[in-house]
Amino acid sequence: MPPRASTRWTTTSTGWPTTTRTPARWPARLAQIPGITVEDPETNLVFFDTTGTKLTADELAARIRKQGVALSTMGRHRARACTHLDVDLAGIETAVQVISGAVTA
């Protein structure tokens, strides 16, 4: 098995991460939402904490589900989001906007 490359989620001046892979943009964009703490991802599964939003993961999931965005919850404040190969940049940006809107509502 080849060694895993270390991923750093730094962003450019436009707010997009320096990597060009679409799924890799997802954690960096989520991390820009106030109150969301993103774990360093190893796959297309992105785990994050909602404690700073004052919402439980279930509350956030319920708010965004109404707008067609789904995530899994794994405890009071832990959530999991997933991207697939068919998710493009527009889809990621839509999901980020929906999550951000739910956090600030």
Protein backbone atom coordinates (compact mmCIF):
# COMPACT_ATOMS: atom_id res chain seq x y z
CA MET A 1 0.00 0.00 0.00
CA PRO A 2 1.48 3.40 -0.95
CA PRO A 3 1.94 5.96 1.81
CA ARG A 4 -0.85 8.50 2.22
CA ALA A 5 -0.02 12.03 1.31
CA SER A 6 -0.61 14.63 3.97
CA THR A 7 -3.41 17.00 3.04
CA ARG A 8 -3.34 20.60 4.12
CA TRP A 9 -6.56 22.55 3.76
CA THR A 10 -5.07 25.95 3.04
CA THR A 11 -7.07 28.34 0.93
CA THR A 12 -6.24 30.84 -1.76
CA SER A 13 -7.25 34.49 -1.62
CA THR A 14 -10.57 33.53 -3.21
CA GLY A 15 -11.35 31.13 -0.38
CA TRP A 16 -10.86 27.99 -2.46
CA PRO A 17 -8.33 25.41 -1.35
CA THR A 18 -5.13 25.05 -3.27
CA THR A 19 -5.98 21.52 -4.44
CA THR A 20 -7.96 21.16 -7.66
CA ARG A 21 -9.92 18.03 -6.71
CA THR A 22 -13.59 18.91 -6.28
CA PRO A 23 -14.21 16.75 -3.17
CA ALA A 24 -11.12 18.30 -1.58
CA ARG A 25 -12.77 21.72 -1.76
CA TRP A 26 -15.64 20.58 0.43
CA PRO A 27 -13.80 20.53 3.81
CA ALA A 28 -12.10 23.85 3.19
CA ARG A 29 -15.40 25.51 2.32
CA LEU A 30 -17.17 23.97 5.32
CA ALA A 31 -14.39 25.20 7.60
CA GLN A 32 -15.20 28.78 6.57
CA ILE A 33 -18.67 28.58 8.12
CA PRO A 34 -18.64 30.22 11.56
CA GLY A 35 -18.97 27.66 14.35
CA ILE A 36 -18.15 24.63 12.19
CA THR A 37 -14.96 22.73 13.09
CA VAL A 38 -13.85 20.32 10.37
CA GLU A 39 -11.72 17.26 11.08
CA ASP A 40 -8.82 16.57 8.73
CA PRO A 41 -10.43 14.30 6.11
CA GLU A 42 -8.85 11.14 4.77
CA THR A 43 -11.50 10.26 2.17
CA ASN A 44 -14.57 11.83 0.61
CA LEU A 45 -16.22 11.59 4.05
CA VAL A 46 -15.96 14.87 5.94
CA PHE A 47 -16.62 14.87 9.68
CA PHE A 48 -17.31 18.12 11.47
CA ASP A 49 -18.43 19.48 14.82
CA THR A 50 -21.38 21.86 15.23
CA THR A 51 -20.78 22.92 18.86
CA GLY A 52 -19.72 26.44 17.86
CA THR A 53 -22.98 26.98 15.98
CA LYS A 54 -25.10 26.39 19.10
CA LEU A 55 -26.99 23.77 17.06
CA THR A 56 -26.89 20.04 17.56
CA ALA A 57 -25.95 17.98 14.54
CA ASP A 58 -29.57 16.73 14.38
CA GLU A 59 -30.92 20.30 14.39
CA LEU A 60 -28.58 21.30 11.58
CA ALA A 61 -29.43 18.18 9.58
CA ALA A 62 -33.16 18.89 9.92
CA ARG A 63 -32.75 22.49 8.76
CA ILE A 64 -30.75 21.65 5.66
CA ARG A 65 -32.79 18.57 4.74
CA LYS A 66 -35.69 20.93 3.93
CA GLN A 67 -33.49 22.42 1.19
CA GLY A 68 -32.32 19.13 -0.28
CA VAL A 69 -28.94 18.80 1.45
CA ALA A 70 -28.35 15.68 3.54
CA LEU A 71 -25.80 14.79 6.16
CA SER A 72 -25.49 12.05 8.74
CA THR A 73 -25.28 12.70 12.44
CA MET A 74 -23.02 10.78 14.77
CA GLY A 75 -23.63 12.09 18.25
CA ARG A 76 -24.86 15.35 19.70
CA HIS A 77 -22.55 17.65 17.74
CA ARG A 78 -20.76 15.43 15.22
CA ALA A 79 -21.89 15.27 11.61
CA ARG A 80 -20.69 13.54 8.47
CA ALA A 81 -20.96 14.89 4.95
CA CYS A 82 -20.06 12.97 1.83
CA THR A 83 -19.27 13.88 -1.75
CA HIS A 84 -19.34 11.61 -4.75
CA LEU A 85 -17.53 11.82 -8.08
CA ASP A 86 -20.62 13.32 -9.72
CA VAL A 87 -20.75 16.29 -7.31
CA ASP A 88 -19.40 19.34 -9.08
CA LEU A 89 -18.21 22.69 -7.73
CA ALA A 90 -21.68 24.19 -8.08
CA GLY A 91 -23.12 21.37 -5.97
CA ILE A 92 -20.52 21.88 -3.27
CA GLU A 93 -21.09 25.63 -3.23
CA THR A 94 -24.86 25.12 -2.99
CA ALA A 95 -24.43 22.75 -0.05
CA VAL A 96 -22.08 25.19 1.71
CA GLN A 97 -24.53 28.06 1.20
CA VAL A 98 -27.41 25.98 2.55
CA ILE A 99 -25.43 24.90 5.62
CA SER A 100 -24.19 28.44 6.21
CA GLY A 101 -27.72 29.81 5.93
CA ALA A 102 -29.00 27.20 8.40
CA VAL A 103 -26.27 28.08 10.90
CA THR A 104 -26.98 31.81 10.76
CA ALA A 105 -30.80 31.52 10.72
